[in-house]
Amino acid sequence: MGLFSFIKNAGQKIFGKKKEEEQPVVLSKIDALKAEVNRLGIPVNGLDIDLAEQVIINGSTSTNADREKIILALGNVEGVGSVQDNINVTNPEPESVFHEVKSGDTLSKIAKEVYGDAMKYPQIFEANKPMLEHPDKIYPGQILRIPQA
């Protein structure tokens, strides 16, 4: 549990066009965030999302991997600057490290830096599914899960 920071102006555009003057936008943003977690098929019980200055998530998962994927799925959304994690994990395992993608990064380059072997990039790709659809589709500012070797 904790607070995770993200680049607010980078990420998936799931909120649609901004309509600053309308109040119902907050509810539609929460619905859009919940829909994103559902679309990705990440298992979570009792998912509750609050959106104020940050995204606040509550619920429970069976693994840290699912918890981390939910944090990243919601944090890697354009307009989200931070995620407060209040998710309970029933079967915790070692946590992953988060890595911010820089310009020029590839999964191979990140794998070389982290694991000392560029050919271990599939491990990073698999750890970030279903958010990543292809190993070459990463962007600067995106936050990725880097599992322990």
C-alpha atoms as a PDB file:
ATOM      1  CA  MET A   1       0.000   0.000   0.000  1.00  0.00           C
ATOM      2  CA  GLY A   2       1.217   3.447  -0.755  1.00  0.00           C
ATOM      3  CA  LEU A   3       1.215   6.416  -3.058  1.00  0.00           C
ATOM      4  CA  PHE A   4       2.545   6.022  -6.599  1.00  0.00           C
ATOM      5  CA  SER A   5       3.377   8.983  -8.855  1.00  0.00           C
ATOM      6  CA  PHE A   6       2.818   9.074 -12.601  1.00  0.00           C
ATOM      7  CA  ILE A   7       3.282  11.578 -15.396  1.00  0.00           C
ATOM      8  CA  LYS A   8      -0.110  13.270 -15.622  1.00  0.00           C
ATOM      9  CA  ASN A   9       0.169  14.254 -19.303  1.00  0.00           C
ATOM     10  CA  ALA A  10       1.225  10.816 -20.576  1.00  0.00           C
ATOM     11  CA  GLY A  11      -0.744   7.630 -20.961  1.00  0.00           C
ATOM     12  CA  GLN A  12      -3.844   6.135 -22.476  1.00  0.00           C
ATOM     13  CA  LYS A  13      -6.595   8.561 -23.360  1.00  0.00           C
ATOM     14  CA  ILE A  14      -9.653   6.871 -21.847  1.00  0.00           C
ATOM     15  CA  PHE A  15     -11.477   9.962 -20.568  1.00  0.00           C
ATOM     16  CA  GLY A  16     -12.376  11.393 -23.969  1.00  0.00           C
ATOM     17  CA  LYS A  17     -12.571  15.135 -24.520  1.00  0.00           C
ATOM     18  CA  LYS A  18     -12.322  17.468 -21.535  1.00  0.00           C
ATOM     19  CA  LYS A  19     -15.511  19.158 -20.432  1.00  0.00           C
ATOM     20  CA  GLU A  20     -14.285  21.222 -17.507  1.00  0.00           C
ATOM     21  CA  GLU A  21     -17.586  23.013 -16.894  1.00  0.00           C
ATOM     22  CA  GLU A  22     -19.687  19.860 -16.419  1.00  0.00           C
ATOM     23  CA  GLN A  23     -19.830  18.199 -12.982  1.00  0.00           C
ATOM     24  CA  PRO A  24     -20.847  14.670 -14.164  1.00  0.00           C
ATOM     25  CA  VAL A  25     -17.362  14.255 -15.697  1.00  0.00           C
ATOM     26  CA  VAL A  26     -16.054  12.942 -12.334  1.00  0.00           C
ATOM     27  CA  LEU A  27     -18.503  10.036 -12.372  1.00  0.00           C
ATOM     28  CA  SER A  28     -17.751   9.242 -15.982  1.00  0.00           C
ATOM     29  CA  LYS A  29     -13.995   9.291 -15.235  1.00  0.00           C
ATOM     30  CA  ILE A  30     -14.468   6.830 -12.373  1.00  0.00           C
ATOM     31  CA  ASP A  31     -16.594   4.639 -14.636  1.00  0.00           C
ATOM     32  CA  ALA A  32     -13.896   4.875 -17.343  1.00  0.00           C
ATOM     33  CA  LEU A  33     -11.186   3.793 -14.865  1.00  0.00           C
ATOM     34  CA  LYS A  34     -13.284   0.840 -13.669  1.00  0.00           C
ATOM     35  CA  ALA A  35     -14.011  -0.093 -17.272  1.00  0.00           C
ATOM     36  CA  GLU A  36     -10.266  -0.072 -18.029  1.00  0.00           C
ATOM     37  CA  VAL A  37      -9.535  -2.550 -15.203  1.00  0.00           C
ATOM     38  CA  ASN A  38     -12.427  -4.738 -16.425  1.00  0.00           C
ATOM     39  CA  ARG A  39     -11.266  -4.488 -20.056  1.00  0.00           C
ATOM     40  CA  LEU A  40      -7.809  -5.701 -19.043  1.00  0.00           C
ATOM     41  CA  GLY A  41      -9.336  -8.621 -17.134  1.00  0.00           C
ATOM     42  CA  ILE A  42      -7.314  -8.054 -13.955  1.00  0.00           C
ATOM     43  CA  PRO A  43      -8.986  -9.982 -11.123  1.00  0.00           C
ATOM     44  CA  VAL A  44     -10.025  -7.781  -8.188  1.00  0.00           C
ATOM     45  CA  ASN A  45     -12.797  -8.050  -5.618  1.00  0.00           C
ATOM     46  CA  GLY A  46     -14.690  -5.041  -4.333  1.00  0.00           C
ATOM     47  CA  LEU A  47     -12.937  -2.543  -6.600  1.00  0.00           C
ATOM     48  CA  ASP A  48     -13.745   0.961  -5.421  1.00  0.00           C
ATOM     49  CA  ILE A  49     -12.197   4.009  -7.050  1.00  0.00           C
ATOM     50  CA  ASP A  50     -12.338   7.572  -5.795  1.00  0.00           C
ATOM     51  CA  LEU A  51     -11.089  10.453  -7.876  1.00  0.00           C
ATOM     52  CA  ALA A  52     -10.085  13.675  -6.155  1.00  0.00           C
ATOM     53  CA  GLU A  53      -6.556  15.043  -6.376  1.00  0.00           C
ATOM     54  CA  GLN A  54      -5.458  11.474  -7.064  1.00  0.00           C
ATOM     55  CA  VAL A  55      -6.965   8.101  -7.903  1.00  0.00           C
ATOM     56  CA  ILE A  56      -7.679   6.177  -4.706  1.00  0.00           C
ATOM     57  CA  ILE A  57      -8.233   2.443  -5.135  1.00  0.00           C
ATOM     58  CA  ASN A  58      -9.605  -0.061  -2.642  1.00  0.00           C
ATOM     59  CA  GLY A  59     -10.286  -3.746  -3.016  1.00  0.00           C
ATOM     60  CA  SER A  60      -8.501  -7.054  -2.703  1.00  0.00           C
ATOM     61  CA  THR A  61      -6.510  -9.276  -5.027  1.00  0.00           C
ATOM     62  CA  SER A  62      -4.868 -12.643  -4.565  1.00  0.00           C
ATOM     63  CA  THR A  63      -1.405 -11.550  -5.777  1.00  0.00           C
ATOM     64  CA  ASN A  64       0.906  -8.531  -5.725  1.00  0.00           C
ATOM     65  CA  ALA A  65       1.184  -8.901  -9.503  1.00  0.00           C
ATOM     66  CA  ASP A  66      -2.544  -8.205  -9.912  1.00  0.00           C
ATOM     67  CA  ARG A  67      -2.317  -5.323  -7.415  1.00  0.00           C
ATOM     68  CA  GLU A  68       0.595  -3.786  -9.314  1.00  0.00           C
ATOM     69  CA  LYS A  69      -1.181  -4.211 -12.662  1.00  0.00           C
ATOM     70  CA  ILE A  70      -4.218  -2.340 -11.351  1.00  0.00           C
ATOM     71  CA  ILE A  71      -1.994   0.492 -10.067  1.00  0.00           C
ATOM     72  CA  LEU A  72      -0.259   0.724 -13.450  1.00  0.00           C
ATOM     73  CA  ALA A  73      -3.460   0.363 -15.478  1.00  0.00           C
ATOM     74  CA  LEU A  74      -4.958   3.344 -13.659  1.00  0.00           C
ATOM     75  CA  GLY A  75      -1.755   5.369 -13.319  1.00  0.00           C
ATOM     76  CA  ASN A  76      -0.780   5.079 -16.985  1.00  0.00           C
ATOM     77  CA  VAL A  77      -3.881   7.034 -17.990  1.00  0.00           C
ATOM     78  CA  GLU A  78      -3.591  10.570 -19.297  1.00  0.00           C
ATOM     79  CA  GLY A  79      -4.775  12.977 -16.601  1.00  0.00           C
ATOM     80  CA  VAL A  80      -3.803  10.748 -13.652  1.00  0.00           C
ATOM     81  CA  GLY A  81      -0.861  12.099 -11.644  1.00  0.00           C
ATOM     82  CA  SER A  82      -0.893   9.724  -8.680  1.00  0.00           C
ATOM     83  CA  VAL A  83      -2.550   6.567  -7.391  1.00  0.00           C
ATOM     84  CA  GLN A  84      -3.191   5.871  -3.713  1.00  0.00           C
ATOM     85  CA  ASP A  85      -3.125   2.093  -3.302  1.00  0.00           C
ATOM     86  CA  ASN A  86      -5.311   0.620  -0.558  1.00  0.00           C
ATOM     87  CA  ILE A  87      -5.575  -2.862  -2.104  1.00  0.00           C
ATOM     88  CA  ASN A  88      -5.333  -5.845   0.212  1.00  0.00           C
ATOM     89  CA  VAL A  89      -3.336  -8.835  -1.130  1.00  0.00           C
ATOM     90  CA  THR A  90      -4.425 -12.228   0.199  1.00  0.00           C
ATOM     91  CA  ASN A  91      -1.364 -14.219  -1.031  1.00  0.00           C
ATOM     92  CA  PRO A  92       1.499 -11.706  -1.153  1.00  0.00           C
ATOM     93  CA  GLU A  93       4.693 -12.514  -3.031  1.00  0.00           C
ATOM     94  CA  PRO A  94       7.754 -10.294  -3.622  1.00  0.00           C
ATOM     95  CA  GLU A  95       6.863  -6.919  -5.103  1.00  0.00           C
ATOM     96  CA  SER A  96       8.131  -5.768  -8.476  1.00  0.00           C
ATOM     97  CA  VAL A  97      10.148  -2.642  -9.116  1.00  0.00           C
ATOM     98  CA  PHE A  98       8.550   0.086 -11.234  1.00  0.00           C
ATOM     99  CA  HIS A  99      10.480   1.630 -14.126  1.00  0.00           C
ATOM    100  CA  GLU A 100       9.681   4.846 -15.977  1.00  0.00           C
ATOM    101  CA  VAL A 101      10.245   4.478 -19.720  1.00  0.00           C
ATOM    102  CA  LYS A 102      12.662   7.091 -21.087  1.00  0.00           C
ATOM    103  CA  SER A 103      13.017   8.243 -24.680  1.00  0.00           C
ATOM    104  CA  GLY A 104      14.992   5.602 -26.597  1.00  0.00           C
ATOM    105  CA  ASP A 105      14.118   2.774 -24.202  1.00  0.00           C
ATOM    106  CA  THR A 106      13.142  -0.643 -25.485  1.00  0.00           C
ATOM    107  CA  LEU A 107      12.201  -3.681 -23.429  1.00  0.00           C
ATOM    108  CA  SER A 108      15.523  -5.235 -24.466  1.00  0.00           C
ATOM    109  CA  LYS A 109      17.449  -2.204 -23.243  1.00  0.00           C
ATOM    110  CA  ILE A 110      15.561  -2.207 -19.943  1.00  0.00           C
ATOM    111  CA  ALA A 111      16.149  -5.970 -19.533  1.00  0.00           C
ATOM    112  CA  LYS A 112      19.882  -5.448 -20.145  1.00  0.00           C
ATOM    113  CA  GLU A 113      19.987  -2.709 -17.465  1.00  0.00           C
ATOM    114  CA  VAL A 114      17.940  -4.619 -14.901  1.00  0.00           C
ATOM    115  CA  TYR A 115      18.822  -8.276 -15.498  1.00  0.00           C
ATOM    116  CA  GLY A 116      22.120  -7.953 -17.375  1.00  0.00           C
ATOM    117  CA  ASP A 117      20.607  -9.831 -20.324  1.00  0.00           C
ATOM    118  CA  ALA A 118      18.702  -8.117 -23.153  1.00  0.00           C
ATOM    119  CA  MET A 119      17.096 -11.440 -24.129  1.00  0.00           C
ATOM    120  CA  LYS A 120      15.057 -11.416 -20.894  1.00  0.00           C
ATOM    121  CA  TYR A 121      12.778  -8.723 -22.323  1.00  0.00           C
ATOM    122  CA  PRO A 122       9.872 -11.243 -22.629  1.00  0.00           C
ATOM    123  CA  GLN A 123       9.855 -11.454 -18.819  1.00  0.00           C
ATOM    124  CA  ILE A 124       9.132  -7.711 -18.644  1.00  0.00           C
ATOM    125  CA  PHE A 125       6.589  -7.943 -21.465  1.00  0.00           C
ATOM    126  CA  GLU A 126       4.695 -10.799 -19.760  1.00  0.00           C
ATOM    127  CA  ALA A 127       4.732  -8.950 -16.422  1.00  0.00           C
ATOM    128  CA  ASN A 128       2.991  -5.993 -18.064  1.00  0.00           C
ATOM    129  CA  LYS A 129       0.281  -7.881 -19.945  1.00  0.00           C
ATOM    130  CA  PRO A 130      -2.513  -7.074 -20.614  1.00  0.00           C
ATOM    131  CA  MET A 131      -1.538  -3.371 -20.475  1.00  0.00           C
ATOM    132  CA  LEU A 132       1.107  -3.987 -23.156  1.00  0.00           C
ATOM    133  CA  GLU A 133      -0.194  -5.493 -26.356  1.00  0.00           C
ATOM    134  CA  HIS A 134       3.190  -5.677 -28.135  1.00  0.00           C
ATOM    135  CA  PRO A 135       6.812  -5.471 -26.868  1.00  0.00           C
ATOM    136  CA  ASP A 136       7.545  -2.524 -29.174  1.00  0.00           C
ATOM    137  CA  LYS A 137       4.578  -0.426 -28.021  1.00  0.00           C
ATOM    138  CA  ILE A 138       6.002   1.442 -25.035  1.00  0.00           C
ATOM    139  CA  TYR A 139       6.241   5.211 -24.701  1.00  0.00           C
ATOM    140  CA  PRO A 140       8.253   7.744 -22.665  1.00  0.00           C
ATOM    141  CA  GLY A 141       6.647   8.408 -19.315  1.00  0.00           C
ATOM    142  CA  GLN A 142       4.954   5.001 -19.135  1.00  0.00           C
ATOM    143  CA  ILE A 143       5.561   3.098 -15.893  1.00  0.00           C
ATOM    144  CA  LEU A 144       6.310  -0.641 -16.232  1.00  0.00           C
ATOM    145  CA  ARG A 145       6.480  -3.523 -13.749  1.00  0.00           C
ATOM    146  CA  ILE A 146       9.917  -5.102 -13.537  1.00  0.00           C
ATOM    147  CA  PRO A 147       9.597  -8.438 -11.714  1.00  0.00           C
ATOM    148  CA  GLN A 148      12.423  -9.798  -9.655  1.00  0.00           C
ATOM    149  CA  ALA A 149      14.722 -12.089 -11.617  1.00  0.00           C
END
